[in-house]
Amino acid sequence: MNPQQKIQNPETQVPKTPQMNDRDFINDLLATEKYMTTSYSMALHEASHEGLYQDIMKIFSETQNCQRELYNLMFKKGWYAIEAADQQKLQQSYQQFQGYTNQLPTGGTLQ
């Protein structure tokens, strides 16, 4: 299999005009949700008050779920493509990170 092979559904056509179309709107929403989840994640790292942490965690989860639904919709409509993973590169990465576990203080065993 070609390592550059794209995995994509047939693309749902949208009007090619200067005005924003459905694909543009959903793409903009997806980018906003990604930005928001990153920001909420940073806020979670800094929250010292448990109640605030729980509130942010709830909002983070809702935002992350919305982001995933938008991604799924774009993928379903063929507006978002992913590249097939190269098996050799996967094996190399696995071996590289396997070597890192041996450097852990626990001797490579996870507790």
C-alpha atoms as a PDB file:
ATOM      1  CA  MET A   1       0.000   0.000   0.000  1.00  0.00           C
ATOM      2  CA  ASN A   2       1.233   3.485  -0.864  1.00  0.00           C
ATOM      3  CA  PRO A   3       2.213   5.310   2.357  1.00  0.00           C
ATOM      4  CA  GLN A   4       0.728   8.531   0.979  1.00  0.00           C
ATOM      5  CA  GLN A   5      -2.671   6.905   0.356  1.00  0.00           C
ATOM      6  CA  LYS A   6      -5.499   9.062   1.619  1.00  0.00           C
ATOM      7  CA  ILE A   7      -8.463   7.673   3.472  1.00  0.00           C
ATOM      8  CA  GLN A   8     -11.483   9.764   2.563  1.00  0.00           C
ATOM      9  CA  ASN A   9     -15.169   9.424   1.853  1.00  0.00           C
ATOM     10  CA  PRO A  10     -16.624  10.747  -1.411  1.00  0.00           C
ATOM     11  CA  GLU A  11     -16.714  14.526  -1.158  1.00  0.00           C
ATOM     12  CA  THR A  12     -20.074  16.239  -0.764  1.00  0.00           C
ATOM     13  CA  GLN A  13     -20.046  19.103  -3.238  1.00  0.00           C
ATOM     14  CA  VAL A  14     -20.664  22.656  -2.061  1.00  0.00           C
ATOM     15  CA  PRO A  15     -21.063  25.866  -4.077  1.00  0.00           C
ATOM     16  CA  LYS A  16     -17.759  27.488  -5.045  1.00  0.00           C
ATOM     17  CA  THR A  17     -18.664  31.119  -4.382  1.00  0.00           C
ATOM     18  CA  PRO A  18     -17.125  33.965  -2.367  1.00  0.00           C
ATOM     19  CA  GLN A  19     -19.784  33.392   0.307  1.00  0.00           C
ATOM     20  CA  MET A  20     -19.136  30.832   3.036  1.00  0.00           C
ATOM     21  CA  ASN A  21     -20.741  27.460   2.354  1.00  0.00           C
ATOM     22  CA  ASP A  22     -21.573  24.571   4.713  1.00  0.00           C
ATOM     23  CA  ARG A  23     -18.048  23.186   4.480  1.00  0.00           C
ATOM     24  CA  ASP A  24     -16.553  26.583   5.368  1.00  0.00           C
ATOM     25  CA  PHE A  25     -18.865  27.029   8.354  1.00  0.00           C
ATOM     26  CA  ILE A  26     -18.205  23.545   9.732  1.00  0.00           C
ATOM     27  CA  ASN A  27     -14.460  23.907   9.165  1.00  0.00           C
ATOM     28  CA  ASP A  28     -14.523  27.224  11.054  1.00  0.00           C
ATOM     29  CA  LEU A  29     -16.490  25.624  13.902  1.00  0.00           C
ATOM     30  CA  LEU A  30     -14.039  22.714  14.044  1.00  0.00           C
ATOM     31  CA  ALA A  31     -11.055  25.076  14.255  1.00  0.00           C
ATOM     32  CA  THR A  32     -12.788  27.043  17.024  1.00  0.00           C
ATOM     33  CA  GLU A  33     -13.593  23.892  19.014  1.00  0.00           C
ATOM     34  CA  LYS A  34      -9.974  22.714  18.701  1.00  0.00           C
ATOM     35  CA  TYR A  35      -8.761  26.083  19.981  1.00  0.00           C
ATOM     36  CA  MET A  36     -11.253  26.012  22.856  1.00  0.00           C
ATOM     37  CA  THR A  37     -10.322  22.481  23.972  1.00  0.00           C
ATOM     38  CA  THR A  38      -6.649  23.488  24.015  1.00  0.00           C
ATOM     39  CA  SER A  39      -7.491  26.560  26.100  1.00  0.00           C
ATOM     40  CA  TYR A  40      -9.677  24.591  28.528  1.00  0.00           C
ATOM     41  CA  SER A  41      -6.921  22.010  28.884  1.00  0.00           C
ATOM     42  CA  MET A  42      -4.489  24.742  29.885  1.00  0.00           C
ATOM     43  CA  ALA A  43      -7.029  26.132  32.364  1.00  0.00           C
ATOM     44  CA  LEU A  44      -7.429  22.658  33.893  1.00  0.00           C
ATOM     45  CA  HIS A  45      -3.679  22.520  34.526  1.00  0.00           C
ATOM     46  CA  GLU A  46      -3.847  25.822  36.414  1.00  0.00           C
ATOM     47  CA  ALA A  47      -7.112  25.453  38.344  1.00  0.00           C
ATOM     48  CA  SER A  48      -6.375  25.278  42.057  1.00  0.00           C
ATOM     49  CA  HIS A  49      -9.998  25.338  43.287  1.00  0.00           C
ATOM     50  CA  GLU A  50     -11.698  21.936  43.043  1.00  0.00           C
ATOM     51  CA  GLY A  51     -15.137  23.351  42.190  1.00  0.00           C
ATOM     52  CA  LEU A  52     -13.688  25.481  39.401  1.00  0.00           C
ATOM     53  CA  TYR A  53     -11.697  22.494  38.145  1.00  0.00           C
ATOM     54  CA  GLN A  54     -14.860  20.350  37.978  1.00  0.00           C
ATOM     55  CA  ASP A  55     -16.781  23.083  36.121  1.00  0.00           C
ATOM     56  CA  ILE A  56     -13.991  23.535  33.579  1.00  0.00           C
ATOM     57  CA  MET A  57     -13.682  19.749  33.186  1.00  0.00           C
ATOM     58  CA  LYS A  58     -17.389  19.488  32.371  1.00  0.00           C
ATOM     59  CA  ILE A  59     -17.155  22.281  29.795  1.00  0.00           C
ATOM     60  CA  PHE A  60     -13.950  20.766  28.384  1.00  0.00           C
ATOM     61  CA  SER A  61     -15.655  17.380  27.916  1.00  0.00           C
ATOM     62  CA  GLU A  62     -18.674  18.941  26.210  1.00  0.00           C
ATOM     63  CA  THR A  63     -16.421  20.975  23.926  1.00  0.00           C
ATOM     64  CA  GLN A  64     -14.255  17.964  23.107  1.00  0.00           C
ATOM     65  CA  ASN A  65     -17.340  15.901  22.252  1.00  0.00           C
ATOM     66  CA  CYS A  66     -18.604  18.697  19.992  1.00  0.00           C
ATOM     67  CA  GLN A  67     -15.205  18.853  18.280  1.00  0.00           C
ATOM     68  CA  ARG A  68     -15.303  15.098  17.668  1.00  0.00           C
ATOM     69  CA  GLU A  69     -18.823  15.265  16.223  1.00  0.00           C
ATOM     70  CA  LEU A  70     -17.749  18.034  13.832  1.00  0.00           C
ATOM     71  CA  TYR A  71     -14.686  16.017  12.790  1.00  0.00           C
ATOM     72  CA  ASN A  72     -16.882  12.935  12.193  1.00  0.00           C
ATOM     73  CA  LEU A  73     -19.322  15.013  10.114  1.00  0.00           C
ATOM     74  CA  MET A  74     -16.532  16.478   7.989  1.00  0.00           C
ATOM     75  CA  PHE A  75     -14.972  13.044   7.485  1.00  0.00           C
ATOM     76  CA  LYS A  76     -18.368  11.541   6.570  1.00  0.00           C
ATOM     77  CA  LYS A  77     -18.937  14.274   3.967  1.00  0.00           C
ATOM     78  CA  GLY A  78     -15.462  13.760   2.494  1.00  0.00           C
ATOM     79  CA  TRP A  79     -14.235  17.168   3.633  1.00  0.00           C
ATOM     80  CA  TYR A  80     -11.546  15.757   5.911  1.00  0.00           C
ATOM     81  CA  ALA A  81      -9.005  13.196   4.750  1.00  0.00           C
ATOM     82  CA  ILE A  82      -6.398  11.265   6.683  1.00  0.00           C
ATOM     83  CA  GLU A  83      -3.304   9.507   5.420  1.00  0.00           C
ATOM     84  CA  ALA A  84      -2.912   5.778   5.808  1.00  0.00           C
ATOM     85  CA  ALA A  85      -0.142   4.929   8.254  1.00  0.00           C
ATOM     86  CA  ASP A  86       3.044   3.432   6.872  1.00  0.00           C
ATOM     87  CA  GLN A  87       3.537   0.096   8.657  1.00  0.00           C
ATOM     88  CA  GLN A  88       7.335   0.422   8.705  1.00  0.00           C
ATOM     89  CA  LYS A  89       7.175   3.885  10.312  1.00  0.00           C
ATOM     90  CA  LEU A  90       4.734   2.578  12.916  1.00  0.00           C
ATOM     91  CA  GLN A  91       7.108  -0.250  13.791  1.00  0.00           C
ATOM     92  CA  GLN A  92      10.057   2.161  14.043  1.00  0.00           C
ATOM     93  CA  SER A  93       8.121   4.479  16.364  1.00  0.00           C
ATOM     94  CA  TYR A  94       7.021   1.557  18.499  1.00  0.00           C
ATOM     95  CA  GLN A  95      10.601   0.349  18.870  1.00  0.00           C
ATOM     96  CA  GLN A  96      11.826   3.863  19.659  1.00  0.00           C
ATOM     97  CA  PHE A  97       9.300   4.376  22.444  1.00  0.00           C
ATOM     98  CA  GLN A  98       9.753   0.849  23.711  1.00  0.00           C
ATOM     99  CA  GLY A  99      13.401   1.789  24.249  1.00  0.00           C
ATOM    100  CA  TYR A 100      12.304   4.827  26.272  1.00  0.00           C
ATOM    101  CA  THR A 101      10.357   2.672  28.714  1.00  0.00           C
ATOM    102  CA  ASN A 102      13.574   0.888  29.625  1.00  0.00           C
ATOM    103  CA  GLN A 103      14.915   4.231  30.849  1.00  0.00           C
ATOM    104  CA  LEU A 104      12.090   4.701  33.361  1.00  0.00           C
ATOM    105  CA  PRO A 105      13.001   4.490  37.058  1.00  0.00           C
ATOM    106  CA  THR A 106      10.798   1.397  37.303  1.00  0.00           C
ATOM    107  CA  GLY A 107      12.986  -0.420  34.779  1.00  0.00           C
ATOM    108  CA  GLY A 108      10.419  -0.375  32.004  1.00  0.00           C
ATOM    109  CA  THR A 109       7.508  -1.783  33.960  1.00  0.00           C
ATOM    110  CA  LEU A 110       4.492   0.423  34.301  1.00  0.00           C
ATOM    111  CA  GLN A 111       2.709   0.397  37.617  1.00  0.00           C
END
